[in-house]
Amino acid sequence: MKLPLLSGRQVLMALTHLGFVEIHRKGSHVKMKHFDGRVIVFPFHDEVDRYTLKGALRDAGIEIEDFLKALQK
């Protein structure tokens, strides 16, 4: 499934809806953690590369469908 072109702010909001909280920000990268221990790091840019975002979601165990639903909230 193809992800839409998103900004770092949109990614941050969607992950917040999924229960992640920001724990660290250095330079242009944000690290977020879920209460169950999952961690995700992504670039906070005007446009987040789709391939990079898809890999970060996969590494954090987040289904793309769940992420897209959180975007619509």
N, C-alpha and C. Protein backbone atom coordinates (compact mmCIF):
# COMPACT_ATOMS: atom_id res chain seq x y z
N MET A 1 0.84 -1.17 0.00
CA MET A 1 0.00 0.00 0.00
C MET A 1 0.89 1.24 0.00
N LYS A 2 0.54 2.20 -0.81
CA LYS A 2 1.34 3.40 -0.96
C LYS A 2 0.94 4.45 0.08
N LEU A 3 1.95 4.99 0.74
CA LEU A 3 1.71 6.04 1.72
C LEU A 3 1.61 7.40 1.01
N PRO A 4 0.78 8.30 1.54
CA PRO A 4 0.73 9.65 0.98
C PRO A 4 1.98 10.43 1.39
N LEU A 5 2.26 11.51 0.70
CA LEU A 5 3.38 12.38 1.05
C LEU A 5 2.96 13.20 2.27
N LEU A 6 3.70 13.05 3.36
CA LEU A 6 3.32 13.66 4.64
C LEU A 6 4.43 14.54 5.18
N SER A 7 4.04 15.48 6.00
CA SER A 7 5.03 16.30 6.71
C SER A 7 5.36 15.61 8.03
N GLY A 8 6.45 16.03 8.64
CA GLY A 8 6.83 15.49 9.94
C GLY A 8 5.76 15.76 10.99
N ARG A 9 5.10 16.91 10.90
CA ARG A 9 4.04 17.26 11.84
C ARG A 9 2.86 16.29 11.72
N GLN A 10 2.50 15.91 10.49
CA GLN A 10 1.39 14.97 10.28
C GLN A 10 1.75 13.59 10.81
N VAL A 11 2.99 13.17 10.61
CA VAL A 11 3.44 11.87 11.12
C VAL A 11 3.40 11.88 12.64
N LEU A 12 3.88 12.96 13.24
CA LEU A 12 3.88 13.09 14.70
C LEU A 12 2.46 12.99 15.27
N MET A 13 1.51 13.67 14.65
CA MET A 13 0.13 13.65 15.13
C MET A 13 -0.49 12.25 14.99
N ALA A 14 -0.24 11.58 13.88
CA ALA A 14 -0.79 10.23 13.67
C ALA A 14 -0.23 9.26 14.71
N LEU A 15 1.07 9.35 14.97
CA LEU A 15 1.68 8.46 15.96
C LEU A 15 1.17 8.76 17.36
N THR A 16 0.89 10.02 17.64
CA THR A 16 0.30 10.39 18.93
C THR A 16 -1.07 9.75 19.09
N HIS A 17 -1.85 9.74 18.00
CA HIS A 17 -3.17 9.09 18.04
C HIS A 17 -3.05 7.58 18.26
N LEU A 18 -1.92 7.01 17.86
CA LEU A 18 -1.70 5.58 18.05
C LEU A 18 -1.13 5.24 19.43
N GLY A 19 -0.92 6.26 20.27
CA GLY A 19 -0.46 6.02 21.63
C GLY A 19 1.03 6.23 21.86
N PHE A 20 1.74 6.80 20.91
CA PHE A 20 3.15 7.07 21.07
C PHE A 20 3.35 8.45 21.68
N VAL A 21 4.41 8.60 22.47
CA VAL A 21 4.75 9.90 23.04
C VAL A 21 6.19 10.23 22.67
N GLU A 22 6.43 11.52 22.44
CA GLU A 22 7.77 11.97 22.06
C GLU A 22 8.67 11.89 23.28
N ILE A 23 9.83 11.24 23.12
CA ILE A 23 10.76 11.14 24.23
C ILE A 23 12.07 11.87 23.95
N HIS A 24 12.35 12.15 22.67
CA HIS A 24 13.62 12.80 22.35
C HIS A 24 13.53 13.45 20.97
N ARG A 25 14.20 14.58 20.85
CA ARG A 25 14.29 15.24 19.54
C ARG A 25 15.68 15.85 19.45
N LYS A 26 16.40 15.47 18.41
CA LYS A 26 17.73 16.02 18.19
C LYS A 26 17.88 16.32 16.71
N GLY A 27 18.21 17.54 16.41
CA GLY A 27 18.32 17.93 15.02
C GLY A 27 16.97 17.81 14.35
N SER A 28 16.90 17.03 13.30
CA SER A 28 15.64 16.89 12.58
C SER A 28 14.99 15.53 12.81
N HIS A 29 15.44 14.79 13.82
CA HIS A 29 14.88 13.47 14.07
C HIS A 29 14.12 13.44 15.40
N VAL A 30 12.99 12.75 15.37
CA VAL A 30 12.14 12.62 16.55
C VAL A 30 12.10 11.14 16.94
N LYS A 31 12.23 10.88 18.24
CA LYS A 31 12.11 9.52 18.76
C LYS A 31 10.84 9.48 19.60
N MET A 32 9.99 8.50 19.32
CA MET A 32 8.74 8.34 20.06
C MET A 32 8.67 6.92 20.60
N LYS A 33 8.00 6.79 21.75
CA LYS A 33 7.91 5.48 22.40
C LYS A 33 6.46 5.20 22.76
N HIS A 34 6.07 3.94 22.62
CA HIS A 34 4.74 3.46 22.99
C HIS A 34 4.83 2.84 24.37
N PHE A 35 3.72 2.81 25.09
CA PHE A 35 3.73 2.25 26.45
C PHE A 35 4.13 0.78 26.48
N ASP A 36 3.95 0.07 25.35
CA ASP A 36 4.33 -1.35 25.32
C ASP A 36 5.80 -1.57 24.95
N GLY A 37 6.55 -0.48 24.79
CA GLY A 37 7.99 -0.59 24.55
C GLY A 37 8.44 -0.34 23.12
N ARG A 38 7.51 -0.29 22.18
CA ARG A 38 7.91 -0.04 20.80
C ARG A 38 8.46 1.38 20.66
N VAL A 39 9.48 1.53 19.82
CA VAL A 39 10.12 2.82 19.59
C VAL A 39 10.16 3.09 18.10
N ILE A 40 9.96 4.35 17.73
CA ILE A 40 10.06 4.74 16.32
C ILE A 40 10.85 6.03 16.24
N VAL A 41 11.73 6.11 15.24
CA VAL A 41 12.51 7.31 14.97
C VAL A 41 12.22 7.69 13.53
N PHE A 42 11.90 8.98 13.32
CA PHE A 42 11.62 9.44 11.96
C PHE A 42 12.12 10.87 11.80
N PRO A 43 12.39 11.28 10.56
CA PRO A 43 12.85 12.65 10.32
C PRO A 43 11.67 13.63 10.37
N PHE A 44 11.86 14.73 11.06
CA PHE A 44 10.83 15.76 11.18
C PHE A 44 11.12 16.82 10.11
N HIS A 45 10.74 16.50 8.87
CA HIS A 45 10.99 17.38 7.73
C HIS A 45 9.66 17.90 7.19
N ASP A 46 9.75 18.86 6.27
CA ASP A 46 8.54 19.35 5.60
C ASP A 46 7.89 18.24 4.80
N GLU A 47 8.70 17.37 4.21
CA GLU A 47 8.21 16.21 3.47
C GLU A 47 9.03 15.00 3.91
N VAL A 48 8.36 14.02 4.50
CA VAL A 48 9.03 12.80 4.94
C VAL A 48 9.00 11.81 3.78
N ASP A 49 10.17 11.29 3.43
CA ASP A 49 10.27 10.33 2.34
C ASP A 49 9.41 9.10 2.64
N ARG A 50 8.61 8.70 1.66
CA ARG A 50 7.69 7.57 1.85
C ARG A 50 8.41 6.28 2.21
N TYR A 51 9.52 6.04 1.54
CA TYR A 51 10.29 4.81 1.77
C TYR A 51 10.85 4.80 3.19
N THR A 52 11.35 5.93 3.65
CA THR A 52 11.89 6.05 5.01
C THR A 52 10.79 5.83 6.04
N LEU A 53 9.63 6.45 5.81
CA LEU A 53 8.51 6.31 6.74
C LEU A 53 8.01 4.87 6.79
N LYS A 54 7.92 4.24 5.64
CA LYS A 54 7.44 2.85 5.58
C LYS A 54 8.39 1.94 6.37
N GLY A 55 9.68 2.16 6.25
CA GLY A 55 10.66 1.37 6.99
C GLY A 55 10.56 1.61 8.49
N ALA A 56 10.37 2.86 8.89
CA ALA A 56 10.25 3.19 10.31
C ALA A 56 9.00 2.55 10.89
N LEU A 57 7.90 2.58 10.15
CA LEU A 57 6.66 1.96 10.60
C LEU A 57 6.84 0.45 10.75
N ARG A 58 7.50 -0.16 9.79
CA ARG A 58 7.75 -1.61 9.84
C ARG A 58 8.61 -1.96 11.05
N ASP A 59 9.67 -1.18 11.29
CA ASP A 59 10.56 -1.44 12.42
C ASP A 59 9.84 -1.32 13.76
N ALA A 60 8.85 -0.42 13.82
CA ALA A 60 8.11 -0.20 15.07
C ALA A 60 6.90 -1.14 15.19
N GLY A 61 6.66 -1.96 14.20
CA GLY A 61 5.54 -2.91 14.26
C GLY A 61 4.19 -2.25 14.07
N ILE A 62 4.13 -1.18 13.29
CA ILE A 62 2.88 -0.47 13.04
C ILE A 62 2.39 -0.83 11.64
N GLU A 63 1.17 -1.33 11.57
CA GLU A 63 0.58 -1.66 10.28
C GLU A 63 0.25 -0.37 9.52
N ILE A 64 0.48 -0.37 8.22
CA ILE A 64 0.22 0.82 7.41
C ILE A 64 -1.25 1.20 7.46
N GLU A 65 -2.13 0.22 7.48
CA GLU A 65 -3.57 0.50 7.54
C GLU A 65 -3.93 1.24 8.83
N ASP A 66 -3.34 0.79 9.96
CA ASP A 66 -3.59 1.45 11.24
C ASP A 66 -3.06 2.88 11.23
N PHE A 67 -1.89 3.08 10.63
CA PHE A 67 -1.30 4.40 10.54
C PHE A 67 -2.19 5.33 9.70
N LEU A 68 -2.68 4.83 8.57
CA LEU A 68 -3.55 5.64 7.71
C LEU A 68 -4.85 6.01 8.40
N LYS A 69 -5.40 5.09 9.21
CA LYS A 69 -6.63 5.40 9.96
C LYS A 69 -6.34 6.50 10.99
N ALA A 70 -5.17 6.44 11.63
CA ALA A 70 -4.80 7.46 12.62
C ALA A 70 -4.61 8.82 11.97
N LEU A 71 -4.21 8.84 10.72
CA LEU A 71 -4.05 10.10 9.98
C LEU A 71 -5.39 10.82 9.81
N GLN A 72 -6.45 10.07 9.69
CA GLN A 72 -7.77 10.64 9.42
C GLN A 72 -8.44 11.19 10.66
N LYS A 73 -7.87 10.94 11.84
CA LYS A 73 -8.48 11.42 13.10
C LYS A 73 -8.22 12.89 13.28
